[in-house]
C-alpha cells in the first residue's frame, strides 16, 4: 500500500502543475484574444489523463486503505469520514469538472469560448481540489499522521 500512496502523492504534483498551467494559459488566451493552439489542447489532454490516472490509483487506495471504513461509526470519526466521504466525493467532482472542461472547450465554436470554458471549469476544479486536500495544518491530517509528501 505504501507504493500506492507514494504514487498517489507523486501524481498529485503532476496534476496540480498541469492544472495551474492550463488555467494560466486559458486566462492568458482569454485576455489576449489569441488562437487556441494545439499546445493548449495537449495540456488539457495531459491534465485529463493525469486526473483519471489519479482517480484510478485513488480508487484502489479507497478499497484497501484502513482509513476508509464502512461502519456505523464512520461519520463520527474525523479521519474515516474525511477519507471515506469528503476527500473522495470532492475529488471525483474535481475530476468531473476537469473532464467536462476539456470536452466542452473542444466542442466550443470560437477560440475565446474554448479558453473561457476551460478556464472556468479548471479554476473551479482547482478550488475543489484545494478544499479536499488533507493539508498538514488540518486536524484530519494530524489525526491521520499524514505528511506533506
C-alpha atoms as a PDB file:
ATOM      1  CA  UNK A   1       0.000   0.000   0.000  1.00  0.00           C
ATOM      2  CA  UNK A   2       2.939   2.321   0.645  1.00  0.00           C
ATOM      3  CA  UNK A   3       3.901   2.449  -3.019  1.00  0.00           C
ATOM      4  CA  UNK A   4       0.339   3.350  -3.993  1.00  0.00           C
ATOM      5  CA  UNK A   5       0.304   6.223  -1.531  1.00  0.00           C
ATOM      6  CA  UNK A   6       3.652   7.419  -2.933  1.00  0.00           C
ATOM      7  CA  UNK A   7       2.272   7.147  -6.482  1.00  0.00           C
ATOM      8  CA  UNK A   8      -0.895   8.995  -5.479  1.00  0.00           C
ATOM      9  CA  UNK A   9       1.222  11.750  -3.940  1.00  0.00           C
ATOM     10  CA  UNK A  10       3.520  11.965  -6.981  1.00  0.00           C
ATOM     11  CA  UNK A  11       0.656  12.181  -9.471  1.00  0.00           C
ATOM     12  CA  UNK A  12      -0.896  14.901  -7.323  1.00  0.00           C
ATOM     13  CA  UNK A  13       2.028  17.211  -8.098  1.00  0.00           C
ATOM     14  CA  UNK A  14       1.870  16.465 -11.824  1.00  0.00           C
ATOM     15  CA  UNK A  15      -1.860  17.135 -11.812  1.00  0.00           C
ATOM     16  CA  UNK A  16      -1.512  20.416  -9.916  1.00  0.00           C
ATOM     17  CA  UNK A  17       1.256  21.674 -12.224  1.00  0.00           C
ATOM     18  CA  UNK A  18      -0.777  20.788 -15.320  1.00  0.00           C
ATOM     19  CA  UNK A  19      -3.920  22.303 -13.833  1.00  0.00           C
ATOM     20  CA  UNK A  20      -2.186  25.565 -12.951  1.00  0.00           C
ATOM     21  CA  UNK A  21      -0.554  25.662 -16.392  1.00  0.00           C
ATOM     22  CA  UNK A  22      -3.910  25.107 -18.107  1.00  0.00           C
ATOM     23  CA  UNK A  23      -5.561  27.808 -16.000  1.00  0.00           C
ATOM     24  CA  UNK A  24      -2.798  30.336 -16.692  1.00  0.00           C
ATOM     25  CA  UNK A  25      -2.764  29.560 -20.423  1.00  0.00           C
ATOM     26  CA  UNK A  26      -6.561  29.797 -20.591  1.00  0.00           C
ATOM     27  CA  UNK A  27      -6.600  33.106 -18.749  1.00  0.00           C
ATOM     28  CA  UNK A  28      -3.825  34.415 -20.978  1.00  0.00           C
ATOM     29  CA  UNK A  29      -5.715  33.272 -24.077  1.00  0.00           C
ATOM     30  CA  UNK A  30      -8.909  34.940 -22.885  1.00  0.00           C
ATOM     31  CA  UNK A  31      -7.166  38.216 -22.108  1.00  0.00           C
ATOM     32  CA  UNK A  32      -5.036  38.442 -25.240  1.00  0.00           C
ATOM     33  CA  UNK A  33      -7.663  37.016 -27.606  1.00  0.00           C
ATOM     34  CA  UNK A  34      -5.152  34.677 -29.197  1.00  0.00           C
ATOM     35  CA  UNK A  35      -5.880  31.473 -31.101  1.00  0.00           C
ATOM     36  CA  UNK A  36      -6.462  28.207 -29.284  1.00  0.00           C
ATOM     37  CA  UNK A  37      -3.235  26.396 -30.154  1.00  0.00           C
ATOM     38  CA  UNK A  38      -2.526  22.652 -30.335  1.00  0.00           C
ATOM     39  CA  UNK A  39      -0.378  23.106 -27.199  1.00  0.00           C
ATOM     40  CA  UNK A  40      -3.464  24.304 -25.304  1.00  0.00           C
ATOM     41  CA  UNK A  41      -5.294  21.170 -26.393  1.00  0.00           C
ATOM     42  CA  UNK A  42      -2.370  18.939 -25.374  1.00  0.00           C
ATOM     43  CA  UNK A  43      -2.105  20.473 -21.922  1.00  0.00           C
ATOM     44  CA  UNK A  44      -5.802  19.871 -21.280  1.00  0.00           C
ATOM     45  CA  UNK A  45      -5.433  16.315 -22.629  1.00  0.00           C
ATOM     46  CA  UNK A  46      -2.481  15.544 -20.335  1.00  0.00           C
ATOM     47  CA  UNK A  47      -4.364  17.181 -17.467  1.00  0.00           C
ATOM     48  CA  UNK A  48      -7.357  14.919 -18.051  1.00  0.00           C
ATOM     49  CA  UNK A  49      -5.146  11.826 -18.388  1.00  0.00           C
ATOM     50  CA  UNK A  50      -3.334  12.613 -15.140  1.00  0.00           C
ATOM     51  CA  UNK A  51      -6.657  13.293 -13.380  1.00  0.00           C
ATOM     52  CA  UNK A  52      -8.079   9.962 -14.499  1.00  0.00           C
ATOM     53  CA  UNK A  53      -4.869   8.152 -13.566  1.00  0.00           C
ATOM     54  CA  UNK A  54      -5.062   9.779 -10.140  1.00  0.00           C
ATOM     55  CA  UNK A  55      -8.667   8.618  -9.889  1.00  0.00           C
ATOM     56  CA  UNK A  56      -7.702   5.013 -10.649  1.00  0.00           C
ATOM     57  CA  UNK A  57      -4.926   4.994  -8.046  1.00  0.00           C
ATOM     58  CA  UNK A  58      -7.251   6.720  -5.583  1.00  0.00           C
ATOM     59  CA  UNK A  59      -9.967   4.122  -6.145  1.00  0.00           C
ATOM     60  CA  UNK A  60      -7.542   1.299  -5.420  1.00  0.00           C
ATOM     61  CA  UNK A  61      -6.466   3.093  -2.240  1.00  0.00           C
ATOM     62  CA  UNK A  62     -10.103   3.701  -1.344  1.00  0.00           C
ATOM     63  CA  UNK A  63     -10.824  -0.006  -1.185  1.00  0.00           C
ATOM     64  CA  UNK A  64      -7.627  -1.120   0.570  1.00  0.00           C
ATOM     65  CA  UNK A  65      -6.931   1.765   2.953  1.00  0.00           C
ATOM     66  CA  UNK A  66      -7.554   1.255   6.662  1.00  0.00           C
ATOM     67  CA  UNK A  67      -8.588   4.938   6.811  1.00  0.00           C
ATOM     68  CA  UNK A  68     -11.688   4.157   4.750  1.00  0.00           C
ATOM     69  CA  UNK A  69     -14.339   2.378   6.783  1.00  0.00           C
ATOM     70  CA  UNK A  70     -17.894   1.334   6.107  1.00  0.00           C
ATOM     71  CA  UNK A  71     -19.277   1.077   9.619  1.00  0.00           C
ATOM     72  CA  UNK A  72     -21.875   2.830  11.712  1.00  0.00           C
ATOM     73  CA  UNK A  73     -19.090   4.901  13.313  1.00  0.00           C
ATOM     74  CA  UNK A  74     -17.596   6.166  10.040  1.00  0.00           C
ATOM     75  CA  UNK A  75     -19.267   9.562  10.222  1.00  0.00           C
ATOM     76  CA  UNK A  76     -18.318  10.001  13.883  1.00  0.00           C
ATOM     77  CA  UNK A  77     -14.601   9.502  13.234  1.00  0.00           C
ATOM     78  CA  UNK A  78     -12.870  12.572  11.784  1.00  0.00           C
ATOM     79  CA  UNK A  79     -10.311  10.621   9.726  1.00  0.00           C
ATOM     80  CA  UNK A  80     -12.576   7.910   8.360  1.00  0.00           C
ATOM     81  CA  UNK A  81     -15.297  10.437   7.452  1.00  0.00           C
ATOM     82  CA  UNK A  82     -12.769  12.593   5.608  1.00  0.00           C
ATOM     83  CA  UNK A  83     -11.296   9.755   3.538  1.00  0.00           C
ATOM     84  CA  UNK A  84     -14.495   7.755   3.099  1.00  0.00           C
ATOM     85  CA  UNK A  85     -16.710  10.657   2.072  1.00  0.00           C
ATOM     86  CA  UNK A  86     -15.299  14.178   1.921  1.00  0.00           C
ATOM     87  CA  UNK A  87     -11.982  13.667   0.101  1.00  0.00           C
ATOM     88  CA  UNK A  88     -13.333  11.013  -2.233  1.00  0.00           C
ATOM     89  CA  UNK A  89     -16.505  12.802  -3.307  1.00  0.00           C
ATOM     90  CA  UNK A  90     -14.834  16.184  -3.740  1.00  0.00           C
ATOM     91  CA  UNK A  91     -12.010  14.728  -5.818  1.00  0.00           C
ATOM     92  CA  UNK A  92     -14.466  12.896  -8.068  1.00  0.00           C
ATOM     93  CA  UNK A  93     -16.290  16.209  -8.540  1.00  0.00           C
ATOM     94  CA  UNK A  94     -12.990  17.923  -9.411  1.00  0.00           C
ATOM     95  CA  UNK A  95     -12.104  15.213 -11.942  1.00  0.00           C
ATOM     96  CA  UNK A  96     -15.581  15.502 -13.458  1.00  0.00           C
ATOM     97  CA  UNK A  97     -15.090  19.274 -13.774  1.00  0.00           C
ATOM     98  CA  UNK A  98     -11.719  18.758 -15.480  1.00  0.00           C
ATOM     99  CA  UNK A  99     -13.254  16.254 -17.889  1.00  0.00           C
ATOM    100  CA  UNK A 100     -16.263  18.468 -18.648  1.00  0.00           C
ATOM    101  CA  UNK A 101     -13.947  21.456 -19.111  1.00  0.00           C
ATOM    102  CA  UNK A 102     -11.810  19.570 -21.619  1.00  0.00           C
ATOM    103  CA  UNK A 103     -14.780  18.223 -23.583  1.00  0.00           C
ATOM    104  CA  UNK A 104     -16.736  21.474 -23.604  1.00  0.00           C
ATOM    105  CA  UNK A 105     -13.692  23.504 -24.648  1.00  0.00           C
ATOM    106  CA  UNK A 106     -13.060  21.104 -27.531  1.00  0.00           C
ATOM    107  CA  UNK A 107     -16.663  21.498 -28.687  1.00  0.00           C
ATOM    108  CA  UNK A 108     -16.747  25.286 -28.365  1.00  0.00           C
ATOM    109  CA  UNK A 109     -17.137  27.163 -31.636  1.00  0.00           C
ATOM    110  CA  UNK A 110     -14.685  30.016 -31.050  1.00  0.00           C
ATOM    111  CA  UNK A 111     -11.222  30.233 -29.550  1.00  0.00           C
ATOM    112  CA  UNK A 112     -12.469  32.728 -26.991  1.00  0.00           C
ATOM    113  CA  UNK A 113     -15.186  30.298 -25.888  1.00  0.00           C
ATOM    114  CA  UNK A 114     -12.628  27.456 -25.682  1.00  0.00           C
ATOM    115  CA  UNK A 115     -10.390  29.478 -23.383  1.00  0.00           C
ATOM    116  CA  UNK A 116     -13.322  30.703 -21.315  1.00  0.00           C
ATOM    117  CA  UNK A 117     -14.826  27.254 -20.775  1.00  0.00           C
ATOM    118  CA  UNK A 118     -11.515  25.627 -19.939  1.00  0.00           C
ATOM    119  CA  UNK A 119     -10.559  28.463 -17.593  1.00  0.00           C
ATOM    120  CA  UNK A 120     -13.747  28.356 -15.525  1.00  0.00           C
ATOM    121  CA  UNK A 121     -14.067  24.579 -15.308  1.00  0.00           C
ATOM    122  CA  UNK A 122     -10.389  24.149 -14.455  1.00  0.00           C
ATOM    123  CA  UNK A 123     -10.416  27.020 -11.950  1.00  0.00           C
ATOM    124  CA  UNK A 124     -13.441  25.622 -10.110  1.00  0.00           C
ATOM    125  CA  UNK A 125     -11.813  22.163 -10.150  1.00  0.00           C
ATOM    126  CA  UNK A 126      -8.691  23.688  -8.574  1.00  0.00           C
ATOM    127  CA  UNK A 127     -10.777  25.249  -5.792  1.00  0.00           C
ATOM    128  CA  UNK A 128     -12.476  21.914  -5.118  1.00  0.00           C
ATOM    129  CA  UNK A 129      -9.105  20.136  -5.066  1.00  0.00           C
ATOM    130  CA  UNK A 130      -7.673  22.684  -2.630  1.00  0.00           C
ATOM    131  CA  UNK A 131     -10.706  22.172  -0.386  1.00  0.00           C
ATOM    132  CA  UNK A 132     -10.295  18.371  -0.470  1.00  0.00           C
ATOM    133  CA  UNK A 133      -6.552  18.100   0.154  1.00  0.00           C
ATOM    134  CA  UNK A 134      -5.654  16.959   3.669  1.00  0.00           C
ATOM    135  CA  UNK A 135      -3.382  19.930   4.380  1.00  0.00           C
ATOM    136  CA  UNK A 136      -0.781  19.480   7.154  1.00  0.00           C
ATOM    137  CA  UNK A 137      -2.428  22.224   9.242  1.00  0.00           C
ATOM    138  CA  UNK A 138      -5.814  20.463   9.188  1.00  0.00           C
ATOM    139  CA  UNK A 139      -6.818  18.396  12.189  1.00  0.00           C
ATOM    140  CA  UNK A 140      -7.663  15.404   9.996  1.00  0.00           C
ATOM    141  CA  UNK A 141      -4.093  15.331   8.629  1.00  0.00           C
ATOM    142  CA  UNK A 142      -2.705  15.488  12.161  1.00  0.00           C
ATOM    143  CA  UNK A 143      -5.064  12.732  13.316  1.00  0.00           C
ATOM    144  CA  UNK A 144      -4.178  10.526  10.326  1.00  0.00           C
ATOM    145  CA  UNK A 145      -0.435  11.304  10.649  1.00  0.00           C
ATOM    146  CA  UNK A 146      -0.246  12.482   7.032  1.00  0.00           C
ATOM    147  CA  UNK A 147       2.950  14.142   5.889  1.00  0.00           C
ATOM    148  CA  UNK A 148       3.249  16.795   3.212  1.00  0.00           C
ATOM    149  CA  UNK A 149       4.904  14.498   0.691  1.00  0.00           C
END
